[in-house]
N, C-alpha and C. Protein backbone atom coordinates (compact mmCIF):
# COMPACT_ATOMS: atom_id res chain seq x y z
N MET A 1 -21.34 48.47 33.28
CA MET A 1 -20.76 47.28 33.86
C MET A 1 -20.90 46.10 32.90
N LEU A 2 -22.09 45.96 32.32
CA LEU A 2 -22.33 44.86 31.39
C LEU A 2 -21.45 44.99 30.14
N ALA A 3 -21.29 46.21 29.67
CA ALA A 3 -20.47 46.42 28.47
C ALA A 3 -19.01 46.09 28.75
N SER A 4 -18.49 46.41 29.92
CA SER A 4 -17.09 46.10 30.21
C SER A 4 -16.89 44.58 30.33
N ILE A 5 -17.84 43.85 30.88
CA ILE A 5 -17.74 42.39 30.97
C ILE A 5 -17.75 41.78 29.57
N LEU A 6 -18.59 42.29 28.67
CA LEU A 6 -18.64 41.79 27.30
C LEU A 6 -17.32 42.04 26.58
N PHE A 7 -16.71 43.20 26.78
CA PHE A 7 -15.42 43.48 26.14
C PHE A 7 -14.33 42.52 26.63
N VAL A 8 -14.35 42.20 27.91
CA VAL A 8 -13.36 41.27 28.46
C VAL A 8 -13.59 39.87 27.89
N LEU A 9 -14.84 39.42 27.83
CA LEU A 9 -15.13 38.10 27.30
C LEU A 9 -14.79 37.99 25.81
N ILE A 10 -15.06 39.04 25.06
CA ILE A 10 -14.74 39.01 23.62
C ILE A 10 -13.23 38.95 23.42
N SER A 11 -12.45 39.59 24.28
CA SER A 11 -11.00 39.54 24.12
C SER A 11 -10.47 38.13 24.37
N PHE A 12 -11.09 37.39 25.32
CA PHE A 12 -10.68 36.01 25.56
C PHE A 12 -11.02 35.13 24.35
N VAL A 13 -12.17 35.34 23.75
CA VAL A 13 -12.58 34.55 22.59
C VAL A 13 -11.64 34.82 21.42
N CYS A 14 -11.28 36.07 21.21
CA CYS A 14 -10.39 36.41 20.10
C CYS A 14 -9.01 35.82 20.31
N ALA A 15 -8.52 35.77 21.53
CA ALA A 15 -7.22 35.20 21.81
C ALA A 15 -7.24 33.69 21.63
N ALA A 16 -8.38 33.05 21.87
CA ALA A 16 -8.47 31.60 21.74
C ALA A 16 -8.48 31.17 20.28
N GLN A 17 -8.82 32.05 19.37
CA GLN A 17 -8.90 31.68 17.97
C GLN A 17 -7.59 31.85 17.23
N GLY A 18 -6.60 32.43 17.85
CA GLY A 18 -5.33 32.67 17.17
C GLY A 18 -4.55 31.39 16.95
N GLY A 19 -3.40 31.52 16.32
CA GLY A 19 -2.55 30.37 16.09
C GLY A 19 -2.01 30.37 14.68
N ASP A 20 -1.00 29.58 14.50
CA ASP A 20 -0.39 29.49 13.19
C ASP A 20 -1.21 28.52 12.32
N PRO A 21 -1.15 28.71 11.02
CA PRO A 21 -1.85 27.76 10.15
C PRO A 21 -1.15 26.40 10.19
N PRO A 22 -1.83 25.34 9.88
CA PRO A 22 -1.21 24.02 9.92
C PRO A 22 -0.10 23.91 8.87
N PRO A 23 0.90 23.08 9.12
CA PRO A 23 1.98 22.95 8.13
C PRO A 23 1.45 22.31 6.85
N PRO A 24 2.11 22.57 5.73
CA PRO A 24 1.63 22.00 4.47
C PRO A 24 1.80 20.48 4.47
N MET A 25 0.98 19.82 3.70
CA MET A 25 1.03 18.37 3.59
C MET A 25 2.31 17.94 2.89
N PRO A 26 2.90 16.82 3.28
CA PRO A 26 4.10 16.35 2.58
C PRO A 26 3.73 15.89 1.17
N PRO A 27 4.68 15.90 0.27
CA PRO A 27 4.36 15.46 -1.10
C PRO A 27 4.04 13.97 -1.11
N PRO A 28 3.20 13.53 -2.02
CA PRO A 28 2.85 12.11 -2.08
C PRO A 28 4.06 11.28 -2.52
N PRO A 29 4.10 10.01 -2.12
CA PRO A 29 5.22 9.18 -2.54
C PRO A 29 5.19 8.95 -4.05
N PRO A 30 6.33 8.69 -4.65
CA PRO A 30 6.33 8.47 -6.10
C PRO A 30 5.63 7.17 -6.45
N GLY A 31 4.97 7.16 -7.57
CA GLY A 31 4.30 5.95 -8.03
C GLY A 31 5.33 5.01 -8.65
N LEU A 32 5.47 3.84 -8.06
CA LEU A 32 6.45 2.90 -8.56
C LEU A 32 5.77 1.87 -9.46
N PRO A 33 6.29 1.67 -10.65
CA PRO A 33 5.66 0.69 -11.54
C PRO A 33 5.98 -0.73 -11.09
N ILE A 34 5.00 -1.62 -11.19
CA ILE A 34 5.23 -3.02 -10.86
C ILE A 34 5.06 -3.89 -12.10
N ASP A 35 4.92 -3.29 -13.26
CA ASP A 35 4.59 -4.03 -14.46
C ASP A 35 5.76 -4.87 -14.96
N GLY A 36 6.99 -4.38 -14.92
CA GLY A 36 8.11 -5.07 -15.53
C GLY A 36 8.40 -6.42 -14.92
N PHE A 37 8.58 -6.49 -13.63
CA PHE A 37 8.94 -7.76 -13.00
C PHE A 37 7.75 -8.71 -12.91
N THR A 38 6.54 -8.18 -12.85
CA THR A 38 5.36 -9.02 -12.75
C THR A 38 5.21 -9.87 -14.01
N THR A 39 5.42 -9.29 -15.16
CA THR A 39 5.31 -10.03 -16.42
C THR A 39 6.36 -11.13 -16.48
N ILE A 40 7.58 -10.81 -16.11
CA ILE A 40 8.65 -11.81 -16.13
C ILE A 40 8.36 -12.93 -15.14
N ALA A 41 7.89 -12.59 -13.95
CA ALA A 41 7.59 -13.60 -12.94
C ALA A 41 6.46 -14.52 -13.40
N LEU A 42 5.44 -13.98 -14.05
CA LEU A 42 4.34 -14.82 -14.55
C LEU A 42 4.82 -15.76 -15.65
N ILE A 43 5.68 -15.28 -16.53
CA ILE A 43 6.20 -16.13 -17.61
C ILE A 43 7.06 -17.24 -17.03
N LEU A 44 7.97 -16.90 -16.11
CA LEU A 44 8.82 -17.93 -15.51
C LEU A 44 8.00 -18.93 -14.70
N GLY A 45 7.01 -18.47 -13.97
CA GLY A 45 6.17 -19.37 -13.20
C GLY A 45 5.38 -20.31 -14.08
N SER A 46 4.87 -19.81 -15.19
CA SER A 46 4.12 -20.70 -16.09
C SER A 46 5.05 -21.71 -16.76
N ILE A 47 6.26 -21.34 -17.10
CA ILE A 47 7.22 -22.28 -17.68
C ILE A 47 7.56 -23.38 -16.68
N ILE A 48 7.84 -23.01 -15.44
CA ILE A 48 8.17 -24.01 -14.42
C ILE A 48 6.97 -24.91 -14.15
N GLY A 49 5.77 -24.34 -14.10
CA GLY A 49 4.56 -25.13 -13.88
C GLY A 49 4.31 -26.12 -15.01
N ILE A 50 4.51 -25.70 -16.24
CA ILE A 50 4.30 -26.59 -17.39
C ILE A 50 5.32 -27.73 -17.35
N LYS A 51 6.58 -27.40 -17.03
CA LYS A 51 7.62 -28.43 -16.94
C LYS A 51 7.27 -29.48 -15.89
N LYS A 52 6.83 -29.03 -14.71
CA LYS A 52 6.48 -29.97 -13.63
C LYS A 52 5.26 -30.81 -14.01
N ALA A 53 4.29 -30.18 -14.66
CA ALA A 53 3.10 -30.93 -15.07
C ALA A 53 3.46 -31.98 -16.11
N LEU A 54 4.31 -31.65 -17.06
CA LEU A 54 4.72 -32.61 -18.07
C LEU A 54 5.56 -33.74 -17.46
N LYS A 55 6.40 -33.40 -16.48
CA LYS A 55 7.23 -34.41 -15.82
C LYS A 55 6.35 -35.38 -15.03
N ASN A 56 5.32 -34.87 -14.33
CA ASN A 56 4.43 -35.72 -13.54
C ASN A 56 3.60 -36.64 -14.44
N THR A 57 3.17 -36.17 -15.60
CA THR A 57 2.36 -37.00 -16.48
C THR A 57 3.23 -38.06 -17.17
N SER A 58 4.50 -37.77 -17.41
CA SER A 58 5.37 -38.76 -18.06
C SER A 58 5.79 -39.87 -17.08
N GLU A 59 5.81 -39.59 -15.78
CA GLU A 59 6.20 -40.59 -14.78
C GLU A 59 5.07 -41.57 -14.50
N GLU A 60 3.84 -41.22 -14.74
CA GLU A 60 2.70 -42.09 -14.41
C GLU A 60 2.47 -43.12 -15.42
């Protein structure tokens, strides 16, 4: 009797462990460079800042 109960319980445990493997991970997003526009933006910003600073000092 005990052996038959163990066989039934083991079959439930084995059925609970089944299943498909998880789907594969999606590929990572491409690395986008930010170097090109950042350099141009810094140069333009410094030029505009220097112009404004020179204009403010000449007005005083």
